[in-house]
Amino acid sequence: MNAILPWAIDFALLCFSLAMICAVLRLLRGPTAQDRVLALDTLYVNGMLTVLVLGIRLGSPVYFDIALLIAMFGFVGSAAMSKFLLRGEVIEP
C-alpha cells in the first residue's frame, strides 16, 4: 500500500498542474470578465490543493496552514471581484 502513495502524489501534482495551466489560459483569453473570475477561483483552488499534496508528500504541517490562508484570501478575493462585477463597487457607502 505504501508503494502506491508516491505514485498517486506525483499523479495528483501532475493533474493539478495541468488544471492550473488550463485556468491560466482561460484567465488570459476569457471572453468575459465572469469567465476570468471563475478561472481565478479555479486557479486558487488548484493552488491550494497543490500545496496540500506537497504537505502530504513532505510530511510538514506548515503547508496545511499555508493552504488555509490561500483558501481564506481566495474566498475574500472572489467575493470582492464578484461584487465589483455585479454593482461596480466593492465597498458600499
PDB file of N, CA and C in Angstrom:
ATOM      1  N   MET A   1       0.828  -1.200   0.000  1.00  0.00           N
ATOM      2  CA  MET A   1       0.000   0.000   0.000  1.00  0.00           C
ATOM      3  C   MET A   1       0.871   1.263   0.000  1.00  0.00           C
ATOM      4  N   ASN A   2       1.961   1.264   0.722  1.00  0.00           N
ATOM      5  CA  ASN A   2       2.814   2.446   0.761  1.00  0.00           C
ATOM      6  C   ASN A   2       3.547   2.674  -0.543  1.00  0.00           C
ATOM      7  N   ALA A   3       3.694   1.650  -1.371  1.00  0.00           N
ATOM      8  CA  ALA A   3       4.375   1.827  -2.652  1.00  0.00           C
ATOM      9  C   ALA A   3       3.517   2.610  -3.640  1.00  0.00           C
ATOM     10  N   ILE A   4       2.227   2.630  -3.442  1.00  0.00           N
ATOM     11  CA  ILE A   4       1.332   3.338  -4.357  1.00  0.00           C
ATOM     12  C   ILE A   4       1.266   4.833  -4.030  1.00  0.00           C
ATOM     13  N   LEU A   5       1.478   5.208  -2.787  1.00  0.00           N
ATOM     14  CA  LEU A   5       1.306   6.599  -2.369  1.00  0.00           C
ATOM     15  C   LEU A   5       2.216   7.579  -3.112  1.00  0.00           C
ATOM     16  N   PRO A   6       3.513   7.317  -3.283  1.00  0.00           N
ATOM     17  CA  PRO A   6       4.321   8.286  -4.058  1.00  0.00           C
ATOM     18  C   PRO A   6       3.860   8.446  -5.501  1.00  0.00           C
ATOM     19  N   TRP A   7       3.420   7.363  -6.122  1.00  0.00           N
ATOM     20  CA  TRP A   7       2.909   7.451  -7.481  1.00  0.00           C
ATOM     21  C   TRP A   7       1.616   8.265  -7.526  1.00  0.00           C
ATOM     22  N   ALA A   8       0.765   8.061  -6.558  1.00  0.00           N
ATOM     23  CA  ALA A   8      -0.500   8.802  -6.516  1.00  0.00           C
ATOM     24  C   ALA A   8      -0.255  10.289  -6.268  1.00  0.00           C
ATOM     25  N   ILE A   9       0.715  10.603  -5.434  1.00  0.00           N
ATOM     26  CA  ILE A   9       1.042  12.006  -5.166  1.00  0.00           C
ATOM     27  C   ILE A   9       1.599  12.672  -6.417  1.00  0.00           C
ATOM     28  N   ASP A  10       2.492  11.976  -7.124  1.00  0.00           N
ATOM     29  CA  ASP A  10       3.035  12.537  -8.359  1.00  0.00           C
ATOM     30  C   ASP A  10       1.951  12.724  -9.412  1.00  0.00           C
ATOM     31  N   PHE A  11       1.042  11.766  -9.514  1.00  0.00           N
ATOM     32  CA  PHE A  11      -0.060  11.885 -10.473  1.00  0.00           C
ATOM     33  C   PHE A  11      -0.981  13.049 -10.103  1.00  0.00           C
ATOM     34  N   ALA A  12      -1.261  13.213  -8.821  1.00  0.00           N
ATOM     35  CA  ALA A  12      -2.116  14.325  -8.379  1.00  0.00           C
ATOM     36  C   ALA A  12      -1.452  15.671  -8.667  1.00  0.00           C
ATOM     37  N   LEU A  13      -0.152  15.765  -8.429  1.00  0.00           N
ATOM     38  CA  LEU A  13       0.556  17.010  -8.726  1.00  0.00           C
ATOM     39  C   LEU A  13       0.535  17.312 -10.221  1.00  0.00           C
ATOM     40  N   LEU A  14       0.672  16.289 -11.040  1.00  0.00           N
ATOM     41  CA  LEU A  14       0.606  16.478 -12.484  1.00  0.00           C
ATOM     42  C   LEU A  14      -0.784  16.957 -12.907  1.00  0.00           C
ATOM     43  N   CYS A  15      -1.820  16.341 -12.358  1.00  0.00           N
ATOM     44  CA  CYS A  15      -3.192  16.735 -12.703  1.00  0.00           C
ATOM     45  C   CYS A  15      -3.486  18.164 -12.260  1.00  0.00           C
ATOM     46  N   PHE A  16      -3.054  18.531 -11.056  1.00  0.00           N
ATOM     47  CA  PHE A  16      -3.291  19.893 -10.587  1.00  0.00           C
ATOM     48  C   PHE A  16      -2.502  20.903 -11.405  1.00  0.00           C
ATOM     49  N   SER A  17      -1.295  20.535 -11.839  1.00  0.00           N
ATOM     50  CA  SER A  17      -0.506  21.438 -12.669  1.00  0.00           C
ATOM     51  C   SER A  17      -1.175  21.660 -14.024  1.00  0.00           C
ATOM     52  N   LEU A  18      -1.694  20.595 -14.617  1.00  0.00           N
ATOM     53  CA  LEU A  18      -2.408  20.741 -15.887  1.00  0.00           C
ATOM     54  C   LEU A  18      -3.674  21.579 -15.725  1.00  0.00           C
ATOM     55  N   ALA A  19      -4.370  21.396 -14.616  1.00  0.00           N
ATOM     56  CA  ALA A  19      -5.574  22.190 -14.360  1.00  0.00           C
ATOM     57  C   ALA A  19      -5.223  23.666 -14.158  1.00  0.00           C
ATOM     58  N   MET A  20      -4.090  23.935 -13.525  1.00  0.00           N
ATOM     59  CA  MET A  20      -3.673  25.317 -13.335  1.00  0.00           C
ATOM     60  C   MET A  20      -3.284  25.963 -14.661  1.00  0.00           C
ATOM     61  N   ILE A  21      -2.669  25.193 -15.553  1.00  0.00           N
ATOM     62  CA  ILE A  21      -2.323  25.722 -16.871  1.00  0.00           C
ATOM     63  C   ILE A  21      -3.594  26.061 -17.652  1.00  0.00           C
ATOM     64  N   CYS A  22      -4.593  25.185 -17.588  1.00  0.00           N
ATOM     65  CA  CYS A  22      -5.868  25.454 -18.266  1.00  0.00           C
ATOM     66  C   CYS A  22      -6.556  26.682 -17.676  1.00  0.00           C
ATOM     67  N   ALA A  23      -6.484  26.842 -16.360  1.00  0.00           N
ATOM     68  CA  ALA A  23      -7.103  28.004 -15.723  1.00  0.00           C
ATOM     69  C   ALA A  23      -6.389  29.295 -16.106  1.00  0.00           C
ATOM     70  N   VAL A  24      -5.063  29.246 -16.221  1.00  0.00           N
ATOM     71  CA  VAL A  24      -4.324  30.442 -16.630  1.00  0.00           C
ATOM     72  C   VAL A  24      -4.674  30.810 -18.071  1.00  0.00           C
ATOM     73  N   LEU A  25      -4.815  29.820 -18.932  1.00  0.00           N
ATOM     74  CA  LEU A  25      -5.226  30.111 -20.304  1.00  0.00           C
ATOM     75  C   LEU A  25      -6.608  30.759 -20.355  1.00  0.00           C
ATOM     76  N   ARG A  26      -7.540  30.268 -19.553  1.00  0.00           N
ATOM     77  CA  ARG A  26      -8.883  30.860 -19.511  1.00  0.00           C
ATOM     78  C   ARG A  26      -8.831  32.252 -18.885  1.00  0.00           C
ATOM     79  N   LEU A  27      -7.931  32.443 -17.926  1.00  0.00           N
ATOM     80  CA  LEU A  27      -7.785  33.754 -17.299  1.00  0.00           C
ATOM     81  C   LEU A  27      -7.271  34.779 -18.307  1.00  0.00           C
ATOM     82  N   LEU A  28      -6.372  34.371 -19.169  1.00  0.00           N
ATOM     83  CA  LEU A  28      -5.813  35.293 -20.152  1.00  0.00           C
ATOM     84  C   LEU A  28      -6.713  35.494 -21.360  1.00  0.00           C
ATOM     85  N   ARG A  29      -7.421  34.445 -21.788  1.00  0.00           N
ATOM     86  CA  ARG A  29      -8.194  34.509 -23.016  1.00  0.00           C
ATOM     87  C   ARG A  29      -9.699  34.542 -22.799  1.00  0.00           C
ATOM     88  N   GLY A  30     -10.156  34.630 -21.565  1.00  0.00           N
ATOM     89  CA  GLY A  30     -11.586  34.583 -21.287  1.00  0.00           C
ATOM     90  C   GLY A  30     -12.338  35.687 -22.005  1.00  0.00           C
ATOM     91  N   PRO A  31     -13.436  35.342 -22.651  1.00  0.00           N
ATOM     92  CA  PRO A  31     -14.147  36.388 -23.400  1.00  0.00           C
ATOM     93  C   PRO A  31     -14.843  37.408 -22.501  1.00  0.00           C
ATOM     94  N   THR A  32     -15.268  37.010 -21.314  1.00  0.00           N
ATOM     95  CA  THR A  32     -15.949  37.961 -20.428  1.00  0.00           C
ATOM     96  C   THR A  32     -15.229  38.024 -19.088  1.00  0.00           C
ATOM     97  N   ALA A  33     -15.584  39.031 -18.317  1.00  0.00           N
ATOM     98  CA  ALA A  33     -14.974  39.188 -17.001  1.00  0.00           C
ATOM     99  C   ALA A  33     -15.415  38.074 -16.046  1.00  0.00           C
ATOM    100  N   GLN A  34     -16.630  37.579 -16.219  1.00  0.00           N
ATOM    101  CA  GLN A  34     -17.110  36.490 -15.369  1.00  0.00           C
ATOM    102  C   GLN A  34     -16.291  35.218 -15.595  1.00  0.00           C
ATOM    103  N   ASP A  35     -15.901  34.962 -16.840  1.00  0.00           N
ATOM    104  CA  ASP A  35     -15.048  33.815 -17.117  1.00  0.00           C
ATOM    105  C   ASP A  35     -13.693  33.961 -16.438  1.00  0.00           C
ATOM    106  N   ARG A  36     -13.203  35.173 -16.409  1.00  0.00           N
ATOM    107  CA  ARG A  36     -11.906  35.408 -15.765  1.00  0.00           C
ATOM    108  C   ARG A  36     -11.991  35.228 -14.253  1.00  0.00           C
ATOM    109  N   VAL A  37     -13.094  35.636 -13.657  1.00  0.00           N
ATOM    110  CA  VAL A  37     -13.268  35.442 -12.213  1.00  0.00           C
ATOM    111  C   VAL A  37     -13.363  33.960 -11.878  1.00  0.00           C
ATOM    112  N   LEU A  38     -14.092  33.202 -12.672  1.00  0.00           N
ATOM    113  CA  LEU A  38     -14.184  31.761 -12.445  1.00  0.00           C
ATOM    114  C   LEU A  38     -12.839  31.078 -12.651  1.00  0.00           C
ATOM    115  N   ALA A  39     -12.066  31.550 -13.625  1.00  0.00           N
ATOM    116  CA  ALA A  39     -10.734  30.993 -13.829  1.00  0.00           C
ATOM    117  C   ALA A  39      -9.824  31.305 -12.649  1.00  0.00           C
ATOM    118  N   LEU A  40      -9.974  32.489 -12.080  1.00  0.00           N
ATOM    119  CA  LEU A  40      -9.183  32.840 -10.900  1.00  0.00           C
ATOM    120  C   LEU A  40      -9.582  31.979  -9.701  1.00  0.00           C
ATOM    121  N   ASP A  41     -10.866  31.719  -9.538  1.00  0.00           N
ATOM    122  CA  ASP A  41     -11.314  30.812  -8.479  1.00  0.00           C
ATOM    123  C   ASP A  41     -10.728  29.417  -8.664  1.00  0.00           C
ATOM    124  N   THR A  42     -10.775  28.925  -9.887  1.00  0.00           N
ATOM    125  CA  THR A  42     -10.224  27.606 -10.176  1.00  0.00           C
ATOM    126  C   THR A  42      -8.721  27.586  -9.917  1.00  0.00           C
ATOM    127  N   LEU A  43      -8.054  28.673 -10.252  1.00  0.00           N
ATOM    128  CA  LEU A  43      -6.613  28.747 -10.057  1.00  0.00           C
ATOM    129  C   LEU A  43      -6.239  28.704  -8.583  1.00  0.00           C
ATOM    130  N   TYR A  44      -6.952  29.446  -7.741  1.00  0.00           N
ATOM    131  CA  TYR A  44      -6.570  29.426  -6.331  1.00  0.00           C
ATOM    132  C   TYR A  44      -6.954  28.109  -5.662  1.00  0.00           C
ATOM    133  N   VAL A  45      -8.037  27.472  -6.097  1.00  0.00           N
ATOM    134  CA  VAL A  45      -8.389  26.168  -5.529  1.00  0.00           C
ATOM    135  C   VAL A  45      -7.351  25.117  -5.914  1.00  0.00           C
ATOM    136  N   ASN A  46      -6.927  25.132  -7.171  1.00  0.00           N
ATOM    137  CA  ASN A  46      -5.900  24.182  -7.588  1.00  0.00           C
ATOM    138  C   ASN A  46      -4.561  24.470  -6.919  1.00  0.00           C
ATOM    139  N   GLY A  47      -4.247  25.733  -6.711  1.00  0.00           N
ATOM    140  CA  GLY A  47      -3.032  26.074  -5.973  1.00  0.00           C
ATOM    141  C   GLY A  47      -3.086  25.593  -4.535  1.00  0.00           C
ATOM    142  N   MET A  48      -4.241  25.743  -3.908  1.00  0.00           N
ATOM    143  CA  MET A  48      -4.407  25.270  -2.540  1.00  0.00           C
ATOM    144  C   MET A  48      -4.255  23.755  -2.464  1.00  0.00           C
ATOM    145  N   LEU A  49      -4.852  23.048  -3.419  1.00  0.00           N
ATOM    146  CA  LEU A  49      -4.751  21.590  -3.427  1.00  0.00           C
ATOM    147  C   LEU A  49      -3.331  21.130  -3.716  1.00  0.00           C
ATOM    148  N   THR A  50      -2.607  21.867  -4.547  1.00  0.00           N
ATOM    149  CA  THR A  50      -1.207  21.542  -4.807  1.00  0.00           C
ATOM    150  C   THR A  50      -0.382  21.685  -3.533  1.00  0.00           C
ATOM    151  N   VAL A  51      -0.618  22.738  -2.781  1.00  0.00           N
ATOM    152  CA  VAL A  51       0.096  22.933  -1.521  1.00  0.00           C
ATOM    153  C   VAL A  51      -0.252  21.826  -0.530  1.00  0.00           C
ATOM    154  N   LEU A  52      -1.518  21.404  -0.493  1.00  0.00           N
ATOM    155  CA  LEU A  52      -1.905  20.305   0.395  1.00  0.00           C
ATOM    156  C   LEU A  52      -1.218  18.992   0.019  1.00  0.00           C
ATOM    157  N   VAL A  53      -1.136  18.706  -1.272  1.00  0.00           N
ATOM    158  CA  VAL A  53      -0.475  17.475  -1.712  1.00  0.00           C
ATOM    159  C   VAL A  53       1.021  17.547  -1.406  1.00  0.00           C
ATOM    160  N   LEU A  54       1.625  18.706  -1.564  1.00  0.00           N
ATOM    161  CA  LEU A  54       3.030  18.843  -1.190  1.00  0.00           C
ATOM    162  C   LEU A  54       3.224  18.663   0.309  1.00  0.00           C
ATOM    163  N   GLY A  55       2.261  19.131   1.096  1.00  0.00           N
ATOM    164  CA  GLY A  55       2.330  18.920   2.542  1.00  0.00           C
ATOM    165  C   GLY A  55       2.259  17.449   2.910  1.00  0.00           C
ATOM    166  N   ILE A  56       1.436  16.693   2.191  1.00  0.00           N
ATOM    167  CA  ILE A  56       1.367  15.249   2.431  1.00  0.00           C
ATOM    168  C   ILE A  56       2.671  14.581   2.010  1.00  0.00           C
ATOM    169  N   ARG A  57       3.198  15.011   0.882  1.00  0.00           N
ATOM    170  CA  ARG A  57       4.429  14.398   0.374  1.00  0.00           C
ATOM    171  C   ARG A  57       5.620  14.653   1.283  1.00  0.00           C
ATOM    172  N   LEU A  58       5.750  15.878   1.770  1.00  0.00           N
ATOM    173  CA  LEU A  58       6.900  16.227   2.601  1.00  0.00           C
ATOM    174  C   LEU A  58       6.657  15.976   4.085  1.00  0.00           C
ATOM    175  N   GLY A  59       5.417  15.756   4.472  1.00  0.00           N
ATOM    176  CA  GLY A  59       5.096  15.456   5.862  1.00  0.00           C
ATOM    177  C   GLY A  59       5.267  16.627   6.808  1.00  0.00           C
ATOM    178  N   SER A  60       5.039  17.834   6.305  1.00  0.00           N
ATOM    179  CA  SER A  60       5.195  19.026   7.132  1.00  0.00           C
ATOM    180  C   SER A  60       3.833  19.679   7.360  1.00  0.00           C
ATOM    181  N   PRO A  61       3.491  19.978   8.608  1.00  0.00           N
ATOM    182  CA  PRO A  61       2.188  20.602   8.874  1.00  0.00           C
ATOM    183  C   PRO A  61       2.118  22.080   8.497  1.00  0.00           C
ATOM    184  N   VAL A  62       3.242  22.699   8.156  1.00  0.00           N
ATOM    185  CA  VAL A  62       3.245  24.113   7.785  1.00  0.00           C
ATOM    186  C   VAL A  62       2.455  24.332   6.496  1.00  0.00           C
ATOM    187  N   TYR A  63       2.519  23.374   5.591  1.00  0.00           N
ATOM    188  CA  TYR A  63       1.829  23.502   4.315  1.00  0.00           C
ATOM    189  C   TYR A  63       0.310  23.555   4.491  1.00  0.00           C
ATOM    190  N   PHE A  64      -0.196  22.924   5.506  1.00  0.00           N
ATOM    191  CA  PHE A  64      -1.642  22.943   5.740  1.00  0.00           C
ATOM    192  C   PHE A  64      -2.103  24.322   6.204  1.00  0.00           C
ATOM    193  N   ASP A  65      -1.281  24.996   6.988  1.00  0.00           N
ATOM    194  CA  ASP A  65      -1.598  26.373   7.378  1.00  0.00           C
ATOM    195  C   ASP A  65      -1.551  27.312   6.180  1.00  0.00           C
ATOM    196  N   ILE A  66      -0.587  27.096   5.304  1.00  0.00           N
ATOM    197  CA  ILE A  66      -0.484  27.915   4.092  1.00  0.00           C
ATOM    198  C   ILE A  66      -1.710  27.694   3.203  1.00  0.00           C
ATOM    199  N   ALA A  67      -2.153  26.451   3.090  1.00  0.00           N
ATOM    200  CA  ALA A  67      -3.341  26.156   2.282  1.00  0.00           C
ATOM    201  C   ALA A  67      -4.580  26.817   2.867  1.00  0.00           C
ATOM    202  N   LEU A  68      -4.674  26.872   4.184  1.00  0.00           N
ATOM    203  CA  LEU A  68      -5.805  27.550   4.819  1.00  0.00           C
ATOM    204  C   LEU A  68      -5.789  29.046   4.504  1.00  0.00           C
ATOM    205  N   LEU A  69      -4.618  29.656   4.525  1.00  0.00           N
ATOM    206  CA  LEU A  69      -4.512  31.069   4.176  1.00  0.00           C
ATOM    207  C   LEU A  69      -4.875  31.315   2.712  1.00  0.00           C
ATOM    208  N   ILE A  70      -4.433  30.435   1.826  1.00  0.00           N
ATOM    209  CA  ILE A  70      -4.783  30.569   0.414  1.00  0.00           C
ATOM    210  C   ILE A  70      -6.299  30.485   0.240  1.00  0.00           C
ATOM    211  N   ALA A  71      -6.940  29.567   0.948  1.00  0.00           N
ATOM    212  CA  ALA A  71      -8.390  29.414   0.841  1.00  0.00           C
ATOM    213  C   ALA A  71      -9.114  30.664   1.344  1.00  0.00           C
ATOM    214  N   MET A  72      -8.669  31.211   2.463  1.00  0.00           N
ATOM    215  CA  MET A  72      -9.338  32.400   3.011  1.00  0.00           C
ATOM    216  C   MET A  72      -9.168  33.609   2.104  1.00  0.00           C
ATOM    217  N   PHE A  73      -7.936  33.867   1.642  1.00  0.00           N
ATOM    218  CA  PHE A  73      -7.705  35.015   0.772  1.00  0.00           C
ATOM    219  C   PHE A  73      -8.385  34.836  -0.581  1.00  0.00           C
ATOM    220  N   GLY A  74      -8.424  33.617  -1.073  1.00  0.00           N
ATOM    221  CA  GLY A  74      -9.098  33.356  -2.342  1.00  0.00           C
ATOM    222  C   GLY A  74     -10.584  33.595  -2.258  1.00  0.00           C
ATOM    223  N   PHE A  75     -11.191  33.175  -1.156  1.00  0.00           N
ATOM    224  CA  PHE A  75     -12.627  33.402  -0.984  1.00  0.00           C
ATOM    225  C   PHE A  75     -12.938  34.889  -0.892  1.00  0.00           C
ATOM    226  N   VAL A  76     -12.170  35.622  -0.115  1.00  0.00           N
ATOM    227  CA  VAL A  76     -12.408  37.059   0.026  1.00  0.00           C
ATOM    228  C   VAL A  76     -12.192  37.765  -1.311  1.00  0.00           C
ATOM    229  N   GLY A  77     -11.161  37.362  -2.040  1.00  0.00           N
ATOM    230  CA  GLY A  77     -10.888  37.968  -3.336  1.00  0.00           C
ATOM    231  C   GLY A  77     -11.977  37.691  -4.355  1.00  0.00           C
ATOM    232  N   SER A  78     -12.462  36.457  -4.389  1.00  0.00           N
ATOM    233  CA  SER A  78     -13.515  36.137  -5.359  1.00  0.00           C
ATOM    234  C   SER A  78     -14.837  36.801  -4.978  1.00  0.00           C
ATOM    235  N   ALA A  79     -15.118  36.926  -3.694  1.00  0.00           N
ATOM    236  CA  ALA A  79     -16.335  37.625  -3.276  1.00  0.00           C
ATOM    237  C   ALA A  79     -16.252  39.111  -3.636  1.00  0.00           C
ATOM    238  N   ALA A  80     -15.078  39.715  -3.449  1.00  0.00           N
ATOM    239  CA  ALA A  80     -14.912  41.124  -3.801  1.00  0.00           C
ATOM    240  C   ALA A  80     -15.007  41.340  -5.302  1.00  0.00           C
ATOM    241  N   MET A  81     -14.404  40.436  -6.082  1.00  0.00           N
ATOM    242  CA  MET A  81     -14.469  40.575  -7.536  1.00  0.00           C
ATOM    243  C   MET A  81     -15.893  40.402  -8.066  1.00  0.00           C
ATOM    244  N   SER A  82     -16.619  39.437  -7.521  1.00  0.00           N
ATOM    245  CA  SER A  82     -17.990  39.240  -7.993  1.00  0.00           C
ATOM    246  C   SER A  82     -18.884  40.411  -7.596  1.00  0.00           C
ATOM    247  N   LYS A  83     -18.667  40.968  -6.409  1.00  0.00           N
ATOM    248  CA  LYS A  83     -19.448  42.137  -6.001  1.00  0.00           C
ATOM    249  C   LYS A  83     -19.105  43.344  -6.868  1.00  0.00           C
ATOM    250  N   PHE A  84     -17.845  43.474  -7.226  1.00  0.00           N
ATOM    251  CA  PHE A  84     -17.447  44.577  -8.102  1.00  0.00           C
ATOM    252  C   PHE A  84     -18.069  44.431  -9.483  1.00  0.00           C
ATOM    253  N   LEU A  85     -18.091  43.204 -10.013  1.00  0.00           N
ATOM    254  CA  LEU A  85     -18.694  42.997 -11.329  1.00  0.00           C
ATOM    255  C   LEU A  85     -20.203  43.174 -11.298  1.00  0.00           C
ATOM    256  N   LEU A  86     -20.803  42.886 -10.155  1.00  0.00           N
ATOM    257  CA  LEU A  86     -22.259  42.984 -10.054  1.00  0.00           C
ATOM    258  C   LEU A  86     -22.710  44.431  -9.883  1.00  0.00           C
ATOM    259  N   ARG A  87     -22.035  45.174  -8.987  1.00  0.00           N
ATOM    260  CA  ARG A  87     -22.504  46.516  -8.639  1.00  0.00           C
ATOM    261  C   ARG A  87     -21.578  47.641  -9.056  1.00  0.00           C
ATOM    262  N   GLY A  88     -20.341  47.351  -9.410  1.00  0.00           N
ATOM    263  CA  GLY A  88     -19.411  48.392  -9.827  1.00  0.00           C
ATOM    264  C   GLY A  88     -18.592  48.970  -8.700  1.00  0.00           C
ATOM    265  N   GLU A  89     -18.822  48.546  -7.470  1.00  0.00           N
ATOM    266  CA  GLU A  89     -18.028  48.988  -6.341  1.00  0.00           C
ATOM    267  C   GLU A  89     -17.953  47.878  -5.302  1.00  0.00           C
ATOM    268  N   VAL A  90     -16.866  47.863  -4.555  1.00  0.00           N
ATOM    269  CA  VAL A  90     -16.689  46.809  -3.557  1.00  0.00           C
ATOM    270  C   VAL A  90     -17.234  47.229  -2.220  1.00  0.00           C
ATOM    271  N   ILE A  91     -16.901  48.447  -1.799  1.00  0.00           N
ATOM    272  CA  ILE A  91     -17.357  48.962  -0.507  1.00  0.00           C
ATOM    273  C   ILE A  91     -18.486  49.941  -0.767  1.00  0.00           C
ATOM    274  N   GLU A  92     -19.641  49.614  -0.221  1.00  0.00           N
ATOM    275  CA  GLU A  92     -20.798  50.486  -0.429  1.00  0.00           C
ATOM    276  C   GLU A  92     -20.809  51.579   0.634  1.00  0.00           C
ATOM    277  N   PRO A  93     -21.192  52.793   0.237  1.00  0.00           N
ATOM    278  CA  PRO A  93     -21.231  53.908   1.203  1.00  0.00           C
ATOM    279  C   PRO A  93     -22.393  53.784   2.168  1.00  0.00           C
TER     280      PRO A  93
END
